[in-house]
């Protein structure tokens, strides 16, 4: 079972990396890292970094959209 999880995690992570230019491909990367984090400790570190980066990006986009909305009025 462990080999299957690691294989699935690697495949999902590679799909996320290869298709990084497509919208939604980050979900494959996050999914792969989640599966890998059960068995590979370094994957948990990378998962936390990806989650922090996504959170920071979402906050930045929210601020940008809020400022844009306020400038209209």
PDB file of N, CA and C in Angstrom:
ATOM      1  N   UNK A   1       0.821  -1.195   0.000  1.00  0.00           N
ATOM      2  CA  UNK A   1       0.000   0.000   0.000  1.00  0.00           C
ATOM      3  C   UNK A   1       0.869   1.265   0.000  1.00  0.00           C
ATOM      4  N   UNK A   2       1.978   1.226   0.737  1.00  0.00           N
ATOM      5  CA  UNK A   2       2.872   2.384   0.813  1.00  0.00           C
ATOM      6  C   UNK A   2       3.441   2.707  -0.565  1.00  0.00           C
ATOM      7  N   UNK A   3       3.808   1.684  -1.329  1.00  0.00           N
ATOM      8  CA  UNK A   3       4.365   1.902  -2.678  1.00  0.00           C
ATOM      9  C   UNK A   3       3.314   2.536  -3.582  1.00  0.00           C
ATOM     10  N   UNK A   4       2.078   2.093  -3.444  1.00  0.00           N
ATOM     11  CA  UNK A   4       0.995   2.656  -4.251  1.00  0.00           C
ATOM     12  C   UNK A   4       0.780   4.136  -3.915  1.00  0.00           C
ATOM     13  N   UNK A   5       0.787   4.465  -2.621  1.00  0.00           N
ATOM     14  CA  UNK A   5       0.631   5.876  -2.209  1.00  0.00           C
ATOM     15  C   UNK A   5       1.767   6.736  -2.740  1.00  0.00           C
ATOM     16  N   UNK A   6       2.976   6.251  -2.613  1.00  0.00           N
ATOM     17  CA  UNK A   6       4.123   7.027  -3.099  1.00  0.00           C
ATOM     18  C   UNK A   6       4.055   7.190  -4.611  1.00  0.00           C
ATOM     19  N   UNK A   7       3.702   6.128  -5.315  1.00  0.00           N
ATOM     20  CA  UNK A   7       3.575   6.218  -6.772  1.00  0.00           C
ATOM     21  C   UNK A   7       2.509   7.207  -7.192  1.00  0.00           C
ATOM     22  N   UNK A   8       1.358   7.143  -6.550  1.00  0.00           N
ATOM     23  CA  UNK A   8       0.269   8.071  -6.865  1.00  0.00           C
ATOM     24  C   UNK A   8       0.669   9.508  -6.539  1.00  0.00           C
ATOM     25  N   UNK A   9       1.330   9.692  -5.405  1.00  0.00           N
ATOM     26  CA  UNK A   9       1.776  11.035  -5.027  1.00  0.00           C
ATOM     27  C   UNK A   9       2.769  11.618  -6.013  1.00  0.00           C
ATOM     28  N   UNK A  10       3.710  10.792  -6.455  1.00  0.00           N
ATOM     29  CA  UNK A  10       4.706  11.254  -7.434  1.00  0.00           C
ATOM     30  C   UNK A  10       4.034  11.606  -8.752  1.00  0.00           C
ATOM     31  N   UNK A  11       3.106  10.766  -9.203  1.00  0.00           N
ATOM     32  CA  UNK A  11       2.421  11.029 -10.476  1.00  0.00           C
ATOM     33  C   UNK A  11       1.621  12.326 -10.405  1.00  0.00           C
ATOM     34  N   UNK A  12       0.865  12.506  -9.337  1.00  0.00           N
ATOM     35  CA  UNK A  12       0.081  13.742  -9.195  1.00  0.00           C
ATOM     36  C   UNK A  12       0.973  14.969  -9.110  1.00  0.00           C
ATOM     37  N   UNK A  13       2.068  14.862  -8.378  1.00  0.00           N
ATOM     38  CA  UNK A  13       2.990  15.994  -8.255  1.00  0.00           C
ATOM     39  C   UNK A  13       3.620  16.332  -9.602  1.00  0.00           C
ATOM     40  N   UNK A  14       4.013  15.327 -10.347  1.00  0.00           N
ATOM     41  CA  UNK A  14       4.607  15.568 -11.662  1.00  0.00           C
ATOM     42  C   UNK A  14       3.604  16.197 -12.620  1.00  0.00           C
ATOM     43  N   UNK A  15       2.364  15.736 -12.583  1.00  0.00           N
ATOM     44  CA  UNK A  15       1.326  16.348 -13.420  1.00  0.00           C
ATOM     45  C   UNK A  15       1.173  17.823 -13.060  1.00  0.00           C
ATOM     46  N   UNK A  16       1.156  18.121 -11.771  1.00  0.00           N
ATOM     47  CA  UNK A  16       1.031  19.516 -11.328  1.00  0.00           C
ATOM     48  C   UNK A  16       2.191  20.377 -11.771  1.00  0.00           C
ATOM     49  N   UNK A  17       3.402  19.813 -11.760  1.00  0.00           N
ATOM     50  CA  UNK A  17       4.584  20.571 -12.172  1.00  0.00           C
ATOM     51  C   UNK A  17       4.621  20.749 -13.681  1.00  0.00           C
ATOM     52  N   UNK A  18       4.352  19.669 -14.424  1.00  0.00           N
ATOM     53  CA  UNK A  18       4.426  19.728 -15.891  1.00  0.00           C
ATOM     54  C   UNK A  18       3.383  20.682 -16.458  1.00  0.00           C
ATOM     55  N   UNK A  19       2.182  20.650 -15.924  1.00  0.00           N
ATOM     56  CA  UNK A  19       1.109  21.493 -16.431  1.00  0.00           C
ATOM     57  C   UNK A  19       0.951  22.770 -15.605  1.00  0.00           C
ATOM     58  N   UNK A  20       2.022  23.284 -15.064  1.00  0.00           N
ATOM     59  CA  UNK A  20       1.972  24.453 -14.181  1.00  0.00           C
ATOM     60  C   UNK A  20       1.378  25.686 -14.856  1.00  0.00           C
ATOM     61  N   UNK A  21       1.401  25.740 -16.170  1.00  0.00           N
ATOM     62  CA  UNK A  21       0.874  26.920 -16.863  1.00  0.00           C
ATOM     63  C   UNK A  21      -0.644  26.888 -16.981  1.00  0.00           C
ATOM     64  N   UNK A  22      -1.262  25.746 -16.712  1.00  0.00           N
ATOM     65  CA  UNK A  22      -2.712  25.630 -16.833  1.00  0.00           C
ATOM     66  C   UNK A  22      -3.394  25.953 -15.506  1.00  0.00           C
ATOM     67  N   UNK A  23      -4.538  26.598 -15.575  1.00  0.00           N
ATOM     68  CA  UNK A  23      -5.262  26.881 -14.333  1.00  0.00           C
ATOM     69  C   UNK A  23      -5.730  25.579 -13.683  1.00  0.00           C
ATOM     70  N   UNK A  24      -5.635  25.515 -12.391  1.00  0.00           N
ATOM     71  CA  UNK A  24      -6.090  24.346 -11.658  1.00  0.00           C
ATOM     72  C   UNK A  24      -5.048  23.259 -11.497  1.00  0.00           C
ATOM     73  N   UNK A  25      -3.916  23.384 -12.176  1.00  0.00           N
ATOM     74  CA  UNK A  25      -2.903  22.335 -12.076  1.00  0.00           C
ATOM     75  C   UNK A  25      -2.240  22.324 -10.704  1.00  0.00           C
ATOM     76  N   UNK A  26      -2.329  23.424  -9.988  1.00  0.00           N
ATOM     77  CA  UNK A  26      -1.751  23.470  -8.646  1.00  0.00           C
ATOM     78  C   UNK A  26      -2.472  22.487  -7.733  1.00  0.00           C
ATOM     79  N   UNK A  27      -3.720  22.182  -8.045  1.00  0.00           N
ATOM     80  CA  UNK A  27      -4.465  21.210  -7.248  1.00  0.00           C
ATOM     81  C   UNK A  27      -3.843  19.824  -7.350  1.00  0.00           C
ATOM     82  N   UNK A  28      -3.314  19.480  -8.534  1.00  0.00           N
ATOM     83  CA  UNK A  28      -2.617  18.201  -8.683  1.00  0.00           C
ATOM     84  C   UNK A  28      -1.358  18.178  -7.826  1.00  0.00           C
ATOM     85  N   UNK A  29      -0.631  19.272  -7.832  1.00  0.00           N
ATOM     86  CA  UNK A  29       0.591  19.356  -7.038  1.00  0.00           C
ATOM     87  C   UNK A  29       0.275  19.241  -5.552  1.00  0.00           C
ATOM     88  N   UNK A  30      -0.710  19.979  -5.090  1.00  0.00           N
ATOM     89  CA  UNK A  30      -1.104  19.923  -3.685  1.00  0.00           C
ATOM     90  C   UNK A  30      -1.601  18.524  -3.327  1.00  0.00           C
ATOM     91  N   UNK A  31      -2.393  17.928  -4.191  1.00  0.00           N
ATOM     92  CA  UNK A  31      -2.889  16.570  -3.950  1.00  0.00           C
ATOM     93  C   UNK A  31      -1.758  15.559  -3.871  1.00  0.00           C
ATOM     94  N   UNK A  32      -0.804  15.669  -4.787  1.00  0.00           N
ATOM     95  CA  UNK A  32       0.343  14.775  -4.770  1.00  0.00           C
ATOM     96  C   UNK A  32       1.172  14.934  -3.511  1.00  0.00           C
ATOM     97  N   UNK A  33       1.377  16.168  -3.097  1.00  0.00           N
ATOM     98  CA  UNK A  33       2.143  16.404  -1.876  1.00  0.00           C
ATOM     99  C   UNK A  33       1.392  15.905  -0.640  1.00  0.00           C
ATOM    100  N   UNK A  34       0.060  16.010  -0.659  1.00  0.00           N
ATOM    101  CA  UNK A  34      -0.717  15.489   0.471  1.00  0.00           C
ATOM    102  C   UNK A  34      -0.563  13.976   0.578  1.00  0.00           C
ATOM    103  N   UNK A  35      -0.643  13.292  -0.548  1.00  0.00           N
ATOM    104  CA  UNK A  35      -0.494  11.837  -0.539  1.00  0.00           C
ATOM    105  C   UNK A  35       0.924  11.457  -0.122  1.00  0.00           C
ATOM    106  N   UNK A  36       1.901  12.161  -0.654  1.00  0.00           N
ATOM    107  CA  UNK A  36       3.292  11.859  -0.310  1.00  0.00           C
ATOM    108  C   UNK A  36       3.621  12.170   1.147  1.00  0.00           C
ATOM    109  N   UNK A  37       2.937  13.143   1.732  1.00  0.00           N
ATOM    110  CA  UNK A  37       3.275  13.560   3.092  1.00  0.00           C
ATOM    111  C   UNK A  37       3.015  12.475   4.133  1.00  0.00           C
ATOM    112  N   UNK A  38       2.221  11.465   3.795  1.00  0.00           N
ATOM    113  CA  UNK A  38       2.010  10.349   4.717  1.00  0.00           C
ATOM    114  C   UNK A  38       3.292   9.551   4.930  1.00  0.00           C
ATOM    115  N   UNK A  39       4.099   9.427   3.875  1.00  0.00           N
ATOM    116  CA  UNK A  39       5.266   8.550   3.932  1.00  0.00           C
ATOM    117  C   UNK A  39       6.599   9.266   3.794  1.00  0.00           C
ATOM    118  N   UNK A  40       6.602  10.475   3.259  1.00  0.00           N
ATOM    119  CA  UNK A  40       7.848  11.192   2.991  1.00  0.00           C
ATOM    120  C   UNK A  40       7.823  12.513   3.774  1.00  0.00           C
ATOM    121  N   UNK A  41       8.658  12.640   4.797  1.00  0.00           N
ATOM    122  CA  UNK A  41       8.618  13.852   5.636  1.00  0.00           C
ATOM    123  C   UNK A  41       8.908  15.151   4.883  1.00  0.00           C
ATOM    124  N   UNK A  42       9.774  15.139   3.903  1.00  0.00           N
ATOM    125  CA  UNK A  42      10.100  16.368   3.175  1.00  0.00           C
ATOM    126  C   UNK A  42       8.890  16.869   2.374  1.00  0.00           C
ATOM    127  N   UNK A  43       8.005  15.956   1.984  1.00  0.00           N
ATOM    128  CA  UNK A  43       6.802  16.360   1.251  1.00  0.00           C
ATOM    129  C   UNK A  43       5.896  17.208   2.132  1.00  0.00           C
ATOM    130  N   UNK A  44       5.876  16.923   3.440  1.00  0.00           N
ATOM    131  CA  UNK A  44       5.056  17.717   4.356  1.00  0.00           C
ATOM    132  C   UNK A  44       5.577  19.150   4.422  1.00  0.00           C
ATOM    133  N   UNK A  45       6.893  19.304   4.396  1.00  0.00           N
ATOM    134  CA  UNK A  45       7.505  20.641   4.394  1.00  0.00           C
ATOM    135  C   UNK A  45       7.121  21.402   3.132  1.00  0.00           C
ATOM    136  N   UNK A  46       7.224  20.741   1.980  1.00  0.00           N
ATOM    137  CA  UNK A  46       6.869  21.384   0.722  1.00  0.00           C
ATOM    138  C   UNK A  46       5.379  21.697   0.649  1.00  0.00           C
ATOM    139  N   UNK A  47       4.565  20.815   1.221  1.00  0.00           N
ATOM    140  CA  UNK A  47       3.124  21.055   1.251  1.00  0.00           C
ATOM    141  C   UNK A  47       2.815  22.323   2.047  1.00  0.00           C
ATOM    142  N   UNK A  48       3.459  22.484   3.189  1.00  0.00           N
ATOM    143  CA  UNK A  48       3.245  23.687   4.001  1.00  0.00           C
ATOM    144  C   UNK A  48       3.683  24.939   3.251  1.00  0.00           C
ATOM    145  N   UNK A  49       4.803  24.853   2.511  1.00  0.00           N
ATOM    146  CA  UNK A  49       5.270  26.005   1.734  1.00  0.00           C
ATOM    147  C   UNK A  49       4.282  26.352   0.623  1.00  0.00           C
ATOM    148  N   UNK A  50       3.767  25.336  -0.055  1.00  0.00           N
ATOM    149  CA  UNK A  50       2.789  25.581  -1.123  1.00  0.00           C
ATOM    150  C   UNK A  50       1.510  26.194  -0.570  1.00  0.00           C
ATOM    151  N   UNK A  51       1.053  25.671   0.575  1.00  0.00           N
ATOM    152  CA  UNK A  51      -0.152  26.215   1.183  1.00  0.00           C
ATOM    153  C   UNK A  51       0.052  27.656   1.629  1.00  0.00           C
ATOM    154  N   UNK A  52       1.212  27.953   2.191  1.00  0.00           N
ATOM    155  CA  UNK A  52       1.497  29.324   2.611  1.00  0.00           C
ATOM    156  C   UNK A  52       1.566  30.255   1.403  1.00  0.00           C
ATOM    157  N   UNK A  53       2.176  29.796   0.328  1.00  0.00           N
ATOM    158  CA  UNK A  53       2.255  30.599  -0.889  1.00  0.00           C
ATOM    159  C   UNK A  53       0.891  30.858  -1.496  1.00  0.00           C
ATOM    160  N   UNK A  54       0.041  29.840  -1.503  1.00  0.00           N
ATOM    161  CA  UNK A  54      -1.307  30.021  -2.036  1.00  0.00           C
ATOM    162  C   UNK A  54      -2.109  30.981  -1.164  1.00  0.00           C
ATOM    163  N   UNK A  55      -1.950  30.884   0.136  1.00  0.00           N
ATOM    164  CA  UNK A  55      -2.659  31.771   1.054  1.00  0.00           C
ATOM    165  C   UNK A  55      -2.198  33.216   0.865  1.00  0.00           C
ATOM    166  N   UNK A  56      -0.901  33.414   0.746  1.00  0.00           N
ATOM    167  CA  UNK A  56      -0.372  34.765   0.533  1.00  0.00           C
ATOM    168  C   UNK A  56      -0.852  35.328  -0.805  1.00  0.00           C
ATOM    169  N   UNK A  57      -0.872  34.503  -1.819  1.00  0.00           N
ATOM    170  CA  UNK A  57      -1.350  34.949  -3.129  1.00  0.00           C
ATOM    171  C   UNK A  57      -2.822  35.324  -3.108  1.00  0.00           C
ATOM    172  N   UNK A  58      -3.624  34.549  -2.387  1.00  0.00           N
ATOM    173  CA  UNK A  58      -5.052  34.850  -2.283  1.00  0.00           C
ATOM    174  C   UNK A  58      -5.279  36.157  -1.534  1.00  0.00           C
ATOM    175  N   UNK A  59      -4.510  36.381  -0.466  1.00  0.00           N
ATOM    176  CA  UNK A  59      -4.648  37.634   0.282  1.00  0.00           C
ATOM    177  C   UNK A  59      -4.264  38.832  -0.575  1.00  0.00           C
ATOM    178  N   UNK A  60      -3.197  38.676  -1.349  1.00  0.00           N
ATOM    179  CA  UNK A  60      -2.746  39.764  -2.220  1.00  0.00           C
ATOM    180  C   UNK A  60      -3.797  40.068  -3.292  1.00  0.00           C
ATOM    181  N   UNK A  61      -4.377  39.021  -3.868  1.00  0.00           N
ATOM    182  CA  UNK A  61      -5.414  39.217  -4.870  1.00  0.00           C
ATOM    183  C   UNK A  61      -6.645  39.867  -4.259  1.00  0.00           C
ATOM    184  N   UNK A  62      -7.022  39.457  -3.061  1.00  0.00           N
ATOM    185  CA  UNK A  62      -8.162  40.084  -2.376  1.00  0.00           C
ATOM    186  C   UNK A  62      -7.927  41.573  -2.153  1.00  0.00           C
ATOM    187  N   UNK A  63      -6.723  41.924  -1.683  1.00  0.00           N
ATOM    188  CA  UNK A  63      -6.411  43.345  -1.463  1.00  0.00           C
ATOM    189  C   UNK A  63      -6.485  44.120  -2.774  1.00  0.00           C
ATOM    190  N   UNK A  64      -5.940  43.539  -3.834  1.00  0.00           N
ATOM    191  CA  UNK A  64      -5.937  44.209  -5.136  1.00  0.00           C
ATOM    192  C   UNK A  64      -7.367  44.443  -5.626  1.00  0.00           C
ATOM    193  N   UNK A  65      -8.205  43.407  -5.515  1.00  0.00           N
ATOM    194  CA  UNK A  65      -9.582  43.551  -5.974  1.00  0.00           C
ATOM    195  C   UNK A  65     -10.364  44.533  -5.108  1.00  0.00           C
ATOM    196  N   UNK A  66     -10.117  44.540  -3.811  1.00  0.00           N
ATOM    197  CA  UNK A  66     -10.801  45.486  -2.924  1.00  0.00           C
ATOM    198  C   UNK A  66     -10.387  46.919  -3.259  1.00  0.00           C
ATOM    199  N   UNK A  67      -9.098  47.161  -3.470  1.00  0.00           N
ATOM    200  CA  UNK A  67      -8.637  48.508  -3.825  1.00  0.00           C
ATOM    201  C   UNK A  67      -9.213  48.951  -5.156  1.00  0.00           C
ATOM    202  N   UNK A  68      -9.324  48.025  -6.094  1.00  0.00           N
ATOM    203  CA  UNK A  68      -9.887  48.349  -7.398  1.00  0.00           C
ATOM    204  C   UNK A  68     -11.362  48.728  -7.268  1.00  0.00           C
ATOM    205  N   UNK A  69     -12.074  48.005  -6.416  1.00  0.00           N
ATOM    206  CA  UNK A  69     -13.488  48.276  -6.204  1.00  0.00           C
ATOM    207  C   UNK A  69     -13.677  49.630  -5.529  1.00  0.00           C
ATOM    208  N   UNK A  70     -12.833  49.956  -4.560  1.00  0.00           N
ATOM    209  CA  UNK A  70     -12.948  51.223  -3.838  1.00  0.00           C
ATOM    210  C   UNK A  70     -12.615  52.405  -4.737  1.00  0.00           C
ATOM    211  N   UNK A  71     -11.737  52.230  -5.703  1.00  0.00           N
ATOM    212  CA  UNK A  71     -11.382  53.338  -6.594  1.00  0.00           C
ATOM    213  C   UNK A  71     -12.518  53.686  -7.537  1.00  0.00           C
ATOM    214  N   UNK A  72     -13.396  52.751  -7.801  1.00  0.00           N
ATOM    215  CA  UNK A  72     -14.521  53.024  -8.695  1.00  0.00           C
ATOM    216  C   UNK A  72     -15.510  53.999  -8.089  1.00  0.00           C
ATOM    217  N   UNK A  73     -15.674  53.955  -6.793  1.00  0.00           N
ATOM    218  CA  UNK A  73     -16.701  54.784  -6.150  1.00  0.00           C
ATOM    219  C   UNK A  73     -16.151  56.075  -5.724  1.00  0.00           C
TER     220      UNK A  73
END
